Amino acid sequence: MTLGDLILKLLFIVQTGIGVLGNTFLLLTYASTSYTGQALRPTHLILTNLAVANFLVLLFKGIPQMTLIWGVTHTLGKTGCKLVYYIHRMARGLSLCTTCHLSSFQAMTISPGTGGWMKLKERALKNNGFSCSLCWVSNLLINIFVPLHIEALQHIHNSTGTRNYGLCSSKTPGTSSAVKYTTLMTFPDIVFMGLMAGASVYMVLLLLRHHRRVRHIHTLSNSHRFSPAAKATQTILLLASTFIFFYFVDSILTIYSTVYFKSPLWLQHTTTLLTSCYPTLSPLILMIRDPRVPSFCF
């Protein structure tokens, strides 16, 4: 074992452990808040959805990859491989959809309360639960094709037409099937990323305009405190920026490993490590930016 292998193994353990504990902590916090009868913010349901999605990503991607890097192979059968890859892809899409929903919801919340914006806010609040359910249903259906090409390692005999993922393998589809599959899987991601980026830019512009309006008040009162809405918007912008950054880095590495069919194993480990960064960092961002979360539980 080289020093690099040892560092990578320790990184997987620390990352997965912190991510699982952080998202579990958030789930328990939001559940306790609802059971004690405290007033729930409209974003609590969305953040609960996000914590569940991140927890599933770490559980069905981080932990299997951690067992692989520690040398434990052939732990998943054919059914296990199909189930693990399906739930991981579904949870990854759910995390993207929920983060997009969170950004769009906050953009509508802080928008001017005049004209059509007020009606849009009311519709967003009314259909908040439906939007969360729609994220679940759409990702469950879109990723239903993922298990079709996934096989266990022991069921693959012709290595020239397969791709080895360490614990599982996949059959290489034909050109037309690959184009259709890639389009089906990437089109929702492009749409959600575009909506998230647009909502983030809109929130930044609103915050800048608000800051210019109240700058003289802050100067006179010698106070630089932000309003709760501004703090929440900054937190959501930080979440969206973190997701977009790691998504693009992961996409570049994924495209590279796809073009170069026999990608090295370290590249697969690095890609998995980056994929799990957002599910690990998002609960930490929420707890640091919102001190009411840890203080409520303690």
Protein backbone atom coordinates (compact mmCIF):
# COMPACT_ATOMS: atom_id res chain seq x y z
CA MET A 1 0.00 0.00 0.00
CA THR A 2 1.43 3.36 -1.04
CA LEU A 3 1.00 6.61 0.84
CA GLY A 4 -1.43 7.84 -1.81
CA ASP A 5 -3.61 4.74 -1.41
CA LEU A 6 -3.68 5.20 2.37
CA ILE A 7 -4.64 8.88 2.07
CA LEU A 8 -7.40 8.02 -0.41
CA LYS A 9 -8.77 5.32 1.89
CA LEU A 10 -8.80 7.66 4.87
CA LEU A 11 -10.48 10.38 2.79
CA PHE A 12 -13.29 8.01 1.83
CA ILE A 13 -13.85 7.02 5.47
CA VAL A 14 -13.84 10.62 6.73
CA GLN A 15 -16.00 11.91 3.88
CA THR A 16 -18.61 9.15 4.10
CA GLY A 17 -18.72 9.30 7.90
CA ILE A 18 -19.15 13.07 8.07
CA GLY A 19 -21.72 13.05 5.27
CA VAL A 20 -23.87 10.29 6.76
CA LEU A 21 -23.77 11.80 10.24
CA GLY A 22 -24.45 15.32 8.97
CA ASN A 23 -27.47 14.37 6.87
CA THR A 24 -28.83 12.12 9.63
CA PHE A 25 -28.46 15.03 12.04
CA LEU A 26 -30.44 17.30 9.72
CA LEU A 27 -33.19 14.72 9.28
CA LEU A 28 -33.52 14.27 13.04
CA THR A 29 -33.55 18.05 13.53
CA TYR A 30 -36.34 18.66 11.03
CA ALA A 31 -38.31 15.67 12.32
CA SER A 32 -37.98 16.90 15.91
CA THR A 33 -39.09 20.37 14.88
CA SER A 34 -42.28 19.04 13.33
CA TYR A 35 -43.06 16.76 16.27
CA THR A 36 -42.63 19.52 18.85
CA GLY A 37 -45.16 21.67 17.04
CA GLN A 38 -42.79 24.52 16.23
CA ALA A 39 -43.54 26.63 13.19
CA LEU A 40 -41.88 25.14 10.12
CA ARG A 41 -40.36 27.32 7.46
CA PRO A 42 -41.54 26.59 3.90
CA THR A 43 -38.03 25.45 3.00
CA HIS A 44 -37.96 22.77 5.71
CA LEU A 45 -39.71 20.24 3.49
CA ILE A 46 -37.30 20.93 0.63
CA LEU A 47 -34.26 20.67 2.91
CA THR A 48 -35.58 17.40 4.33
CA ASN A 49 -35.92 16.11 0.79
CA LEU A 50 -32.35 17.22 0.07
CA ALA A 51 -30.99 15.50 3.19
CA VAL A 52 -32.69 12.23 2.19
CA ALA A 53 -31.26 12.46 -1.33
CA ASN A 54 -27.75 13.17 -0.06
CA PHE A 55 -27.99 10.35 2.46
CA LEU A 56 -28.94 7.90 -0.31
CA VAL A 57 -26.07 9.09 -2.53
CA LEU A 58 -23.57 8.43 0.25
CA LEU A 59 -25.17 5.15 1.23
CA PHE A 60 -25.37 3.65 -2.27
CA LYS A 61 -22.24 5.20 -3.82
CA GLY A 62 -19.82 6.27 -1.10
CA ILE A 63 -20.02 3.15 1.07
CA PRO A 64 -19.73 0.59 -1.81
CA GLN A 65 -16.79 2.53 -3.24
CA MET A 66 -15.20 2.68 0.20
CA THR A 67 -15.42 -1.11 0.51
CA LEU A 68 -13.87 -1.43 -2.96
CA ILE A 69 -10.92 0.79 -2.20
CA TRP A 70 -10.23 -1.23 0.94
CA GLY A 71 -9.97 -4.36 -1.21
CA VAL A 72 -13.39 -5.91 -0.59
CA THR A 73 -14.70 -7.00 -3.99
CA HIS A 74 -17.47 -9.27 -5.30
CA THR A 75 -19.76 -8.18 -2.47
CA LEU A 76 -22.68 -7.36 -4.77
CA GLY A 77 -24.53 -9.88 -6.87
CA LYS A 78 -26.41 -9.15 -10.07
CA THR A 79 -29.48 -7.87 -8.24
CA GLY A 80 -27.38 -5.90 -5.78
CA CYS A 81 -25.46 -4.14 -8.56
CA LYS A 82 -28.64 -3.18 -10.39
CA LEU A 83 -30.26 -1.91 -7.18
CA VAL A 84 -27.22 0.05 -6.00
CA TYR A 85 -26.66 1.80 -9.32
CA TYR A 86 -30.36 2.55 -9.79
CA ILE A 87 -30.80 4.10 -6.33
CA HIS A 88 -27.55 6.06 -6.69
CA ARG A 89 -28.55 7.54 -10.04
CA MET A 90 -32.05 8.28 -8.74
CA ALA A 91 -30.69 9.93 -5.57
CA ARG A 92 -28.16 11.97 -7.59
CA GLY A 93 -30.93 13.27 -9.84
CA LEU A 94 -33.15 13.88 -6.82
CA SER A 95 -30.39 15.95 -5.20
CA LEU A 96 -30.09 18.04 -8.37
CA CYS A 97 -33.86 18.48 -8.72
CA THR A 98 -34.25 19.41 -5.04
CA THR A 99 -31.41 21.94 -5.11
CA CYS A 100 -32.96 23.48 -8.22
CA HIS A 101 -36.34 23.54 -6.46
CA LEU A 102 -34.77 25.19 -3.42
CA SER A 103 -33.07 27.89 -5.50
CA SER A 104 -36.20 28.61 -7.53
CA PHE A 105 -38.40 28.69 -4.41
CA GLN A 106 -36.09 31.14 -2.64
CA ALA A 107 -35.88 33.33 -5.75
CA MET A 108 -39.67 33.61 -5.78
CA THR A 109 -39.74 34.21 -2.01
CA ILE A 110 -37.46 37.25 -2.10
CA SER A 111 -38.90 38.64 -5.34
CA PRO A 112 -40.92 41.90 -5.17
CA GLY A 113 -44.37 41.32 -3.73
CA THR A 114 -46.19 43.15 -6.46
CA GLY A 115 -48.16 42.15 -9.52
CA GLY A 116 -47.77 38.63 -10.77
CA TRP A 117 -44.95 37.83 -8.32
CA MET A 118 -47.42 37.68 -5.42
CA LYS A 119 -49.58 35.12 -7.23
CA LEU A 120 -46.46 33.14 -8.12
CA LYS A 121 -45.38 33.12 -4.47
CA GLU A 122 -48.78 31.85 -3.37
CA ARG A 123 -48.71 29.09 -5.98
CA ALA A 124 -45.18 28.11 -4.95
CA LEU A 125 -46.20 27.83 -1.30
CA LYS A 126 -49.35 25.92 -2.15
CA ASN A 127 -47.61 23.43 -4.46
CA ASN A 128 -44.44 23.00 -2.41
CA GLY A 129 -45.25 19.42 -1.42
CA PHE A 130 -46.35 18.55 -4.94
CA SER A 131 -43.04 19.86 -6.35
CA CYS A 132 -41.07 17.68 -3.92
CA SER A 133 -43.15 14.64 -4.88
CA LEU A 134 -42.65 15.44 -8.56
CA CYS A 135 -38.88 15.36 -8.07
CA TRP A 136 -39.18 11.87 -6.61
CA VAL A 137 -41.52 10.50 -9.28
CA SER A 138 -39.62 11.98 -12.22
CA ASN A 139 -36.25 10.60 -11.07
CA LEU A 140 -37.71 7.19 -10.26
CA LEU A 141 -39.05 6.99 -13.82
CA ILE A 142 -36.14 8.58 -15.70
CA ASN A 143 -33.55 6.27 -14.16
CA ILE A 144 -35.58 3.09 -14.67
CA PHE A 145 -33.31 2.22 -17.62
CA VAL A 146 -30.11 2.35 -15.55
CA PRO A 147 -30.21 -1.31 -14.32
CA LEU A 148 -30.61 -2.73 -17.83
CA HIS A 149 -26.89 -2.69 -18.67
CA ILE A 150 -25.50 -3.25 -15.16
CA GLU A 151 -24.16 -6.70 -14.29
CA ALA A 152 -22.14 -8.24 -11.50
CA LEU A 153 -18.48 -8.92 -12.16
CA GLN A 154 -18.87 -12.69 -12.09
CA HIS A 155 -21.53 -12.54 -14.79
CA ILE A 156 -19.24 -10.81 -17.29
CA HIS A 157 -17.07 -13.08 -19.42
CA ASN A 158 -16.30 -11.03 -22.54
CA SER A 159 -14.15 -8.18 -21.24
CA THR A 160 -13.83 -6.48 -24.64
CA GLY A 161 -17.46 -5.36 -24.63
CA THR A 162 -17.79 -4.38 -20.99
CA ARG A 163 -16.71 -1.60 -18.68
CA ASN A 164 -15.36 -2.51 -15.25
CA TYR A 165 -16.53 -0.33 -12.35
CA GLY A 166 -14.73 -2.29 -9.66
CA LEU A 167 -17.74 -3.82 -7.92
CA CYS A 168 -19.94 -4.11 -11.01
CA SER A 169 -19.69 -3.95 -14.78
CA SER A 170 -21.84 -2.71 -17.63
CA LYS A 171 -22.44 -3.92 -21.13
CA THR A 172 -21.39 -1.59 -23.91
CA PRO A 173 -24.51 -0.48 -25.82
CA GLY A 174 -24.62 0.18 -29.55
CA THR A 175 -24.07 3.65 -30.96
CA SER A 176 -27.75 4.49 -31.43
CA SER A 177 -28.68 3.10 -28.02
CA ALA A 178 -25.83 5.01 -26.40
CA VAL A 179 -26.98 8.30 -27.97
CA LYS A 180 -30.58 7.77 -26.86
CA TYR A 181 -29.53 6.75 -23.36
CA THR A 182 -27.12 9.69 -22.98
CA THR A 183 -29.74 12.16 -24.21
CA LEU A 184 -32.37 10.78 -21.83
CA MET A 185 -30.04 10.94 -18.84
CA THR A 186 -28.42 14.33 -19.53
CA PHE A 187 -31.40 16.38 -20.75
CA PRO A 188 -33.07 16.67 -17.29
CA ASP A 189 -29.69 17.58 -15.76
CA ILE A 190 -29.17 20.36 -18.30
CA VAL A 191 -32.68 21.74 -17.68
CA PHE A 192 -32.31 21.71 -13.89
CA MET A 193 -28.80 23.20 -14.04
CA GLY A 194 -30.07 25.99 -16.29
CA LEU A 195 -32.97 26.76 -13.95
CA MET A 196 -30.67 26.69 -10.93
CA ALA A 197 -28.14 28.99 -12.57
CA GLY A 198 -30.88 31.40 -13.67
CA ALA A 199 -32.44 31.49 -10.20
CA SER A 200 -29.00 32.02 -8.63
CA VAL A 201 -28.18 34.95 -10.93
CA TYR A 202 -31.59 36.49 -10.22
CA MET A 203 -31.06 36.20 -6.45
CA VAL A 204 -27.61 37.76 -6.71
CA LEU A 205 -29.04 40.73 -8.61
CA LEU A 206 -31.81 41.17 -6.04
CA LEU A 207 -29.31 41.03 -3.17
CA LEU A 208 -27.06 43.60 -4.84
CA ARG A 209 -30.01 45.93 -5.42
CA HIS A 210 -31.16 45.48 -1.83
CA HIS A 211 -27.64 46.13 -0.55
CA ARG A 212 -27.40 49.40 -2.49
CA ARG A 213 -30.75 50.57 -1.14
CA VAL A 214 -29.93 50.01 2.53
CA ARG A 215 -26.22 50.83 2.40
CA HIS A 216 -26.74 54.34 3.73
CA ILE A 217 -28.87 52.97 6.61
CA HIS A 218 -26.08 50.58 7.57
CA THR A 219 -23.60 53.45 7.44
CA LEU A 220 -25.69 55.67 9.70
CA SER A 221 -26.51 52.98 12.22
CA ASN A 222 -23.04 51.39 12.02
CA SER A 223 -24.77 48.03 11.63
CA HIS A 224 -23.96 45.51 8.92
CA ARG A 225 -26.42 42.80 9.87
CA PHE A 226 -28.25 41.03 7.12
CA SER A 227 -31.94 40.26 7.26
CA PRO A 228 -33.01 36.62 7.78
CA ALA A 229 -34.22 36.46 4.18
CA ALA A 230 -30.85 37.72 2.91
CA LYS A 231 -28.98 35.19 5.08
CA ALA A 232 -31.19 32.35 3.82
CA THR A 233 -30.66 33.48 0.24
CA GLN A 234 -26.88 33.57 0.72
CA THR A 235 -26.97 30.05 2.16
CA ILE A 236 -28.98 28.74 -0.78
CA LEU A 237 -26.65 30.51 -3.22
CA LEU A 238 -23.72 28.82 -1.51
CA LEU A 239 -25.43 25.44 -1.82
CA ALA A 240 -26.22 26.00 -5.50
CA SER A 241 -22.69 27.21 -6.27
CA THR A 242 -21.18 24.21 -4.50
CA PHE A 243 -23.40 21.81 -6.43
CA ILE A 244 -22.67 23.45 -9.80
CA PHE A 245 -18.92 23.41 -9.18
CA PHE A 246 -18.69 19.74 -8.24
CA TYR A 247 -21.19 18.78 -10.94
CA PHE A 248 -19.04 20.29 -13.70
CA VAL A 249 -15.82 18.80 -12.34
CA ASP A 250 -17.51 15.40 -12.10
CA SER A 251 -18.91 15.77 -15.63
CA ILE A 252 -15.45 16.54 -17.06
CA LEU A 253 -13.93 13.47 -15.41
CA THR A 254 -16.87 11.31 -16.49
CA ILE A 255 -16.56 12.44 -20.11
CA TYR A 256 -12.82 11.77 -19.99
CA SER A 257 -13.32 8.25 -18.66
CA THR A 258 -16.01 7.64 -21.30
CA VAL A 259 -13.82 8.79 -24.20
CA TYR A 260 -10.86 6.79 -22.93
CA PHE A 261 -12.63 3.47 -22.49
CA LYS A 262 -10.08 1.86 -20.16
CA SER A 263 -9.83 4.62 -17.58
CA PRO A 264 -7.48 4.01 -14.63
CA LEU A 265 -8.95 2.89 -11.34
CA TRP A 266 -7.66 5.98 -9.52
CA LEU A 267 -9.77 8.14 -11.84
CA GLN A 268 -12.89 6.20 -10.87
CA HIS A 269 -12.06 6.66 -7.19
CA THR A 270 -11.43 10.39 -7.70
CA THR A 271 -14.71 10.81 -9.56
CA THR A 272 -16.60 9.05 -6.76
CA LEU A 273 -14.84 11.20 -4.17
CA LEU A 274 -15.90 14.38 -5.98
CA THR A 275 -19.46 13.07 -6.50
CA SER A 276 -19.80 12.63 -2.73
CA CYS A 277 -18.43 16.10 -1.88
CA TYR A 278 -21.75 17.94 -2.23
CA PRO A 279 -23.76 15.42 -0.13
CA THR A 280 -21.06 15.76 2.52
CA LEU A 281 -20.68 19.54 2.47
CA SER A 282 -24.34 20.58 2.17
CA PRO A 283 -25.38 19.59 5.73
CA LEU A 284 -22.26 21.31 7.09
CA ILE A 285 -23.13 24.48 5.16
CA LEU A 286 -26.68 24.42 6.51
CA MET A 287 -25.56 23.87 10.10
CA ILE A 288 -22.87 26.56 9.97
CA ARG A 289 -25.07 29.13 8.24
CA ASP A 290 -28.13 28.42 10.40
CA PRO A 291 -27.07 28.19 14.07
CA ARG A 292 -30.65 27.32 15.05
CA VAL A 293 -30.16 23.81 13.66
CA PRO A 294 -27.47 22.60 16.10
CA SER A 295 -28.72 24.74 19.00
CA PHE A 296 -32.23 23.31 18.68
CA CYS A 297 -31.06 19.70 19.09
CA PHE A 298 -28.65 20.44 21.91
